Protein backbone atom coordinates (compact mmCIF):
# COMPACT_ATOMS: atom_id res chain seq x y z
CA UNK A 1 71.36 158.98 107.33
CA UNK A 2 68.91 159.68 110.17
CA UNK A 3 65.31 160.72 110.69
CA UNK A 4 63.80 162.48 113.71
CA UNK A 5 60.05 162.87 114.05
CA UNK A 6 57.58 164.02 116.71
CA UNK A 7 54.65 162.56 114.80
CA UNK A 8 52.42 159.57 115.55
CA UNK A 9 54.45 156.57 116.70
CA UNK A 10 52.47 153.99 114.74
CA UNK A 11 52.60 155.98 111.51
CA UNK A 12 56.33 156.63 111.95
CA UNK A 13 57.04 152.95 112.50
CA UNK A 14 54.93 151.89 109.52
CA UNK A 15 56.66 154.40 107.24
CA UNK A 16 60.10 153.42 108.56
CA UNK A 17 59.43 149.72 107.98
CA UNK A 18 58.19 150.44 104.46
CA UNK A 19 61.14 152.64 103.48
CA UNK A 20 64.04 151.16 105.46
CA UNK A 21 62.82 147.59 106.04
CA UNK A 22 63.73 145.57 109.11
CA UNK A 23 67.04 143.76 109.49
CA UNK A 24 67.16 140.08 108.48
CA UNK A 25 65.48 137.95 111.15
CA UNK A 26 63.77 140.89 112.89
CA UNK A 27 59.97 140.60 112.85
CA UNK A 28 59.24 144.10 114.13
CA UNK A 29 61.42 146.91 115.50
CA UNK A 30 61.68 147.83 119.17
CA UNK A 31 61.54 151.36 120.59
CA UNK A 32 64.41 152.00 123.00
CA UNK A 33 64.29 154.86 125.52
CA UNK A 34 67.14 156.37 127.51
CA UNK A 35 66.13 156.36 131.17
CA UNK A 36 67.66 158.54 133.92
CA UNK A 37 68.52 156.40 136.96
CA UNK A 38 70.10 156.82 140.37
CA UNK A 39 73.36 155.45 138.98
CA UNK A 40 73.32 157.35 135.68
CA UNK A 41 71.41 156.20 132.60
CA UNK A 42 69.94 152.95 131.36
CA UNK A 43 68.18 151.82 128.18
CA UNK A 44 64.66 150.38 128.32
CA UNK A 45 63.11 148.58 125.34
CA UNK A 46 60.52 148.03 123.97
CA UNK A 47 58.56 151.09 125.17
CA UNK A 48 55.73 150.89 122.68
CA UNK A 49 56.68 149.83 119.16
CA UNK A 50 55.21 146.32 119.40
CA UNK A 51 52.57 145.00 121.78
CA UNK A 52 53.59 141.55 122.93
CA UNK A 53 56.76 139.64 122.07
CA UNK A 54 57.80 136.01 121.97
CA UNK A 55 61.00 134.66 123.49
CA UNK A 56 63.05 135.05 120.31
CA UNK A 57 61.98 138.68 119.96
CA UNK A 58 62.95 139.42 123.56
CA UNK A 59 66.37 137.89 122.93
CA UNK A 60 66.71 140.09 119.82
CA UNK A 61 65.77 143.12 121.93
CA UNK A 62 68.49 142.19 124.42
CA UNK A 63 71.10 141.99 121.66
CA UNK A 64 70.03 145.29 120.09
CA UNK A 65 69.77 147.12 123.42
CA UNK A 66 73.21 145.90 124.45
CA UNK A 67 74.69 147.21 121.20
CA UNK A 68 73.00 150.57 121.75
CA UNK A 69 74.37 150.82 125.30
CA UNK A 70 77.89 150.12 124.04
CA UNK A 71 77.57 152.78 121.34
CA UNK A 72 75.83 155.48 123.37
CA UNK A 73 77.31 154.99 126.84
CA UNK A 74 80.75 153.72 125.87
CA UNK A 75 80.39 150.63 128.09
CA UNK A 76 82.53 147.68 127.05
CA UNK A 77 80.14 145.00 128.30
CA UNK A 78 76.72 146.38 129.32
CA UNK A 79 74.61 144.32 131.71
CA UNK A 80 71.18 143.18 130.48
CA UNK A 81 68.10 142.23 132.49
CA UNK A 82 64.64 140.92 131.58
CA UNK A 83 61.80 142.84 133.21
CA UNK A 84 59.61 140.45 135.20
CA UNK A 85 57.24 140.28 138.19
CA UNK A 86 60.02 138.78 140.31
CA UNK A 87 63.67 137.79 140.13
CA UNK A 88 63.06 134.07 140.67
CA UNK A 89 63.38 131.89 137.56
CA UNK A 90 59.95 130.29 138.10
CA UNK A 91 58.12 133.64 137.93
CA UNK A 92 56.64 135.44 134.93
CA UNK A 93 54.85 134.53 131.73
CA UNK A 94 56.13 131.73 129.51
CA UNK A 95 57.71 134.05 126.92
CA UNK A 96 59.82 135.85 129.52
CA UNK A 97 60.94 132.62 131.21
CA UNK A 98 61.86 131.12 127.83
CA UNK A 99 63.84 134.22 126.85
CA UNK A 100 65.66 134.10 130.17
CA UNK A 101 66.56 130.46 129.61
CA UNK A 102 67.97 131.25 126.15
CA UNK A 103 70.02 134.20 127.38
CA UNK A 104 71.34 132.17 130.29
CA UNK A 105 72.19 129.00 128.38
CA UNK A 106 73.34 130.27 125.00
CA UNK A 107 76.93 131.38 124.54
CA UNK A 108 75.92 134.90 123.56
CA UNK A 109 78.24 137.92 123.95
CA UNK A 110 75.91 139.44 126.54
CA UNK A 111 76.41 140.07 130.26
CA UNK A 112 73.01 138.66 131.22
CA UNK A 113 72.03 139.69 134.74
CA UNK A 114 68.79 137.73 134.99
CA UNK A 115 65.27 138.88 135.83
CA UNK A 116 64.75 142.41 137.14
CA UNK A 117 61.68 144.13 138.58
CA UNK A 118 60.04 147.48 137.88
CA UNK A 119 61.62 149.25 140.85
CA UNK A 120 65.05 148.25 139.58
CA UNK A 121 64.72 150.58 136.58
CA UNK A 122 65.04 153.77 138.61
CA UNK A 123 67.91 152.22 140.56
CA UNK A 124 69.78 151.46 137.34
CA UNK A 125 70.47 147.88 138.44
CA UNK A 126 71.41 146.97 134.84
CA UNK A 127 72.38 148.97 131.77
CA UNK A 128 69.65 147.50 129.56
CA UNK A 129 66.11 146.56 130.63
CA UNK A 130 64.25 144.33 128.17
CA UNK A 131 60.47 143.97 127.99
CA UNK A 132 57.65 143.97 125.43
CA UNK A 133 55.94 147.14 124.24
CA UNK A 134 52.76 147.04 126.33
CA UNK A 135 54.58 146.79 129.66
CA UNK A 136 57.38 149.09 128.56
CA UNK A 137 55.04 151.87 127.46
CA UNK A 138 53.12 151.77 130.74
CA UNK A 139 56.39 151.86 132.69
CA UNK A 140 57.64 154.84 130.66
CA UNK A 141 54.48 156.90 131.06
CA UNK A 142 54.21 156.03 134.76
CA UNK A 143 57.77 157.24 135.31
CA UNK A 144 57.13 160.47 133.38
CA UNK A 145 53.97 161.13 135.36
CA UNK A 146 55.72 160.41 138.65
CA UNK A 147 58.52 162.83 137.78
CA UNK A 148 56.00 165.58 137.02
CA UNK A 149 54.14 164.79 140.23
CA UNK A 150 57.29 165.06 142.35
CA UNK A 151 58.24 168.43 140.87
CA UNK A 152 54.68 169.79 141.09
CA UNK A 153 54.13 168.56 144.67
CA UNK A 154 57.45 169.96 145.81
CA UNK A 155 56.65 173.35 144.27
CA UNK A 156 53.23 173.34 145.92
CA UNK A 157 54.69 172.62 149.35
CA UNK A 158 57.33 175.32 148.95
CA UNK A 159 54.68 177.93 148.11
CA UNK A 160 52.68 177.20 151.28
CA UNK A 161 54.71 179.33 153.68
CA UNK A 162 57.57 181.78 154.07
CA UNK A 163 59.51 179.23 156.10
CA UNK A 164 59.25 176.70 153.27
CA UNK A 165 60.34 179.34 150.77
CA UNK A 166 63.38 180.27 152.86
CA UNK A 167 64.31 176.61 153.19
CA UNK A 168 63.89 176.14 149.46
CA UNK A 169 66.14 179.12 148.82
CA UNK A 170 68.91 177.48 150.83
CA UNK A 171 68.34 174.15 149.11
CA UNK A 172 67.94 175.68 145.65
CA UNK A 173 71.08 174.05 144.14
CA UNK A 174 69.85 170.60 145.20
CA UNK A 175 66.32 171.27 143.93
CA UNK A 176 67.59 172.53 140.58
CA UNK A 177 69.80 169.45 140.21
CA UNK A 178 66.79 167.22 140.95
CA UNK A 179 64.59 169.08 138.48
CA UNK A 180 67.28 168.85 135.81
CA UNK A 181 67.70 165.09 136.33
CA UNK A 182 63.94 164.46 136.20
CA UNK A 183 63.30 166.76 133.22
CA UNK A 184 61.82 164.56 130.43
CA UNK A 185 63.36 166.85 127.81
CA UNK A 186 66.85 165.66 128.81
CA UNK A 187 65.88 162.09 127.95
CA UNK A 188 63.68 162.88 124.96
CA UNK A 189 64.26 160.77 121.89
CA UNK A 190 63.54 157.04 121.65
CA UNK A 191 65.34 154.95 119.03
CA UNK A 192 63.71 152.42 116.71
CA UNK A 193 66.05 149.43 116.77
CA UNK A 194 65.97 146.67 114.18
CA UNK A 195 65.65 148.89 111.10
CA UNK A 196 68.20 149.41 108.34
CA UNK A 197 68.63 153.02 109.40
CA UNK A 198 68.44 155.39 112.37
CA UNK A 199 64.95 156.62 113.26
CA UNK A 200 64.29 158.68 116.40
CA UNK A 201 60.84 159.26 117.90
CA UNK A 202 60.53 162.54 119.81
CA UNK A 203 57.71 163.42 122.17
CA UNK A 204 55.14 165.53 120.35
CA UNK A 205 54.77 167.91 123.28
CA UNK A 206 58.45 168.45 124.01
CA UNK A 207 60.14 171.85 123.93
CA UNK A 208 63.06 173.04 121.81
CA UNK A 209 65.59 171.61 124.27
CA UNK A 210 63.89 168.23 124.13
CA UNK A 211 63.85 168.13 120.35
CA UNK A 212 67.50 169.20 120.29
CA UNK A 213 68.26 166.27 122.59
CA UNK A 214 66.52 163.89 120.17
CA UNK A 215 68.59 165.27 117.29
CA UNK A 216 71.74 164.83 119.37
CA UNK A 217 70.90 161.17 119.96
CA UNK A 218 70.34 160.71 116.22
CA UNK A 219 73.76 162.18 115.45
CA UNK A 220 75.43 159.97 118.08
CA UNK A 221 73.72 156.88 116.69
CA UNK A 222 74.81 157.68 113.13
CA UNK A 223 78.40 158.47 114.08
CA UNK A 224 78.72 155.30 116.15
CA UNK A 225 77.61 153.07 113.25
CA UNK A 226 74.93 151.57 115.50
CA UNK A 227 72.97 149.97 112.66
CA UNK A 228 76.02 148.08 111.40
CA UNK A 229 76.92 146.95 114.94
CA UNK A 230 73.42 145.65 115.60
CA UNK A 231 73.33 143.78 112.29
CA UNK A 232 76.70 142.18 113.07
CA UNK A 233 75.70 141.23 116.63
CA UNK A 234 72.36 139.76 115.53
CA UNK A 235 74.01 137.62 112.85
CA UNK A 236 76.70 136.37 115.23
CA UNK A 237 74.17 135.66 117.99
CA UNK A 238 71.85 133.71 115.72
CA UNK A 239 74.73 131.57 114.47
CA UNK A 240 75.77 130.85 118.05
CA UNK A 241 72.21 129.99 119.06
CA UNK A 242 71.78 127.71 116.05
CA UNK A 243 74.98 125.82 116.88
CA UNK A 244 73.86 125.44 120.51
CA UNK A 245 70.44 124.15 119.42
CA UNK A 246 71.86 121.65 116.91
């Protein structure tokens, strides 16, 4: 029912598309990551499956990401935002503006928030952040690097003096909570959406806890019938969009 791999992303996607095939109407799958935020967790997609995306693909990503948020987070109506260089409707590349217009105008079963910016991801302004794979992958790796930098810098400052070490001892519960929240292993496991099956991509360099987390996501996705929900939502959305365009 599910597959979890820590291998090469491109090879995994190619094999998955060959064996499972994409859902009707889906050109290429999107890779959705679970992102720790100040408010809890959000989903960001695409984080590297496909470089570039047209407006219709971004709308498909929004529909699939919303279905994943409902299944994984138990949210009745997740909010969805399109990642852009500003929140104003006139900003951004043509594909993003066109996708925003479709999501805003079409009678789709999505709580569309509008455009969101990069700093909104960490804040958890919406439940689902939609972008194309080039931007999403850079955002993901920047966030992972920043998390490692924060932990490493904090440790370096603590080790500089006895006073710092004593202060750290008193603040240990807070520091441990921060480290736990920023630990990439706790969010390891990105989901290929748009396939006729559940495929999870794990980081190749993760530890046992990280790989266990990826397996846990795979089990949750299978038990929640995510693939069937996405297929249903995509079909319903396309019918609605076709009626609106007629």
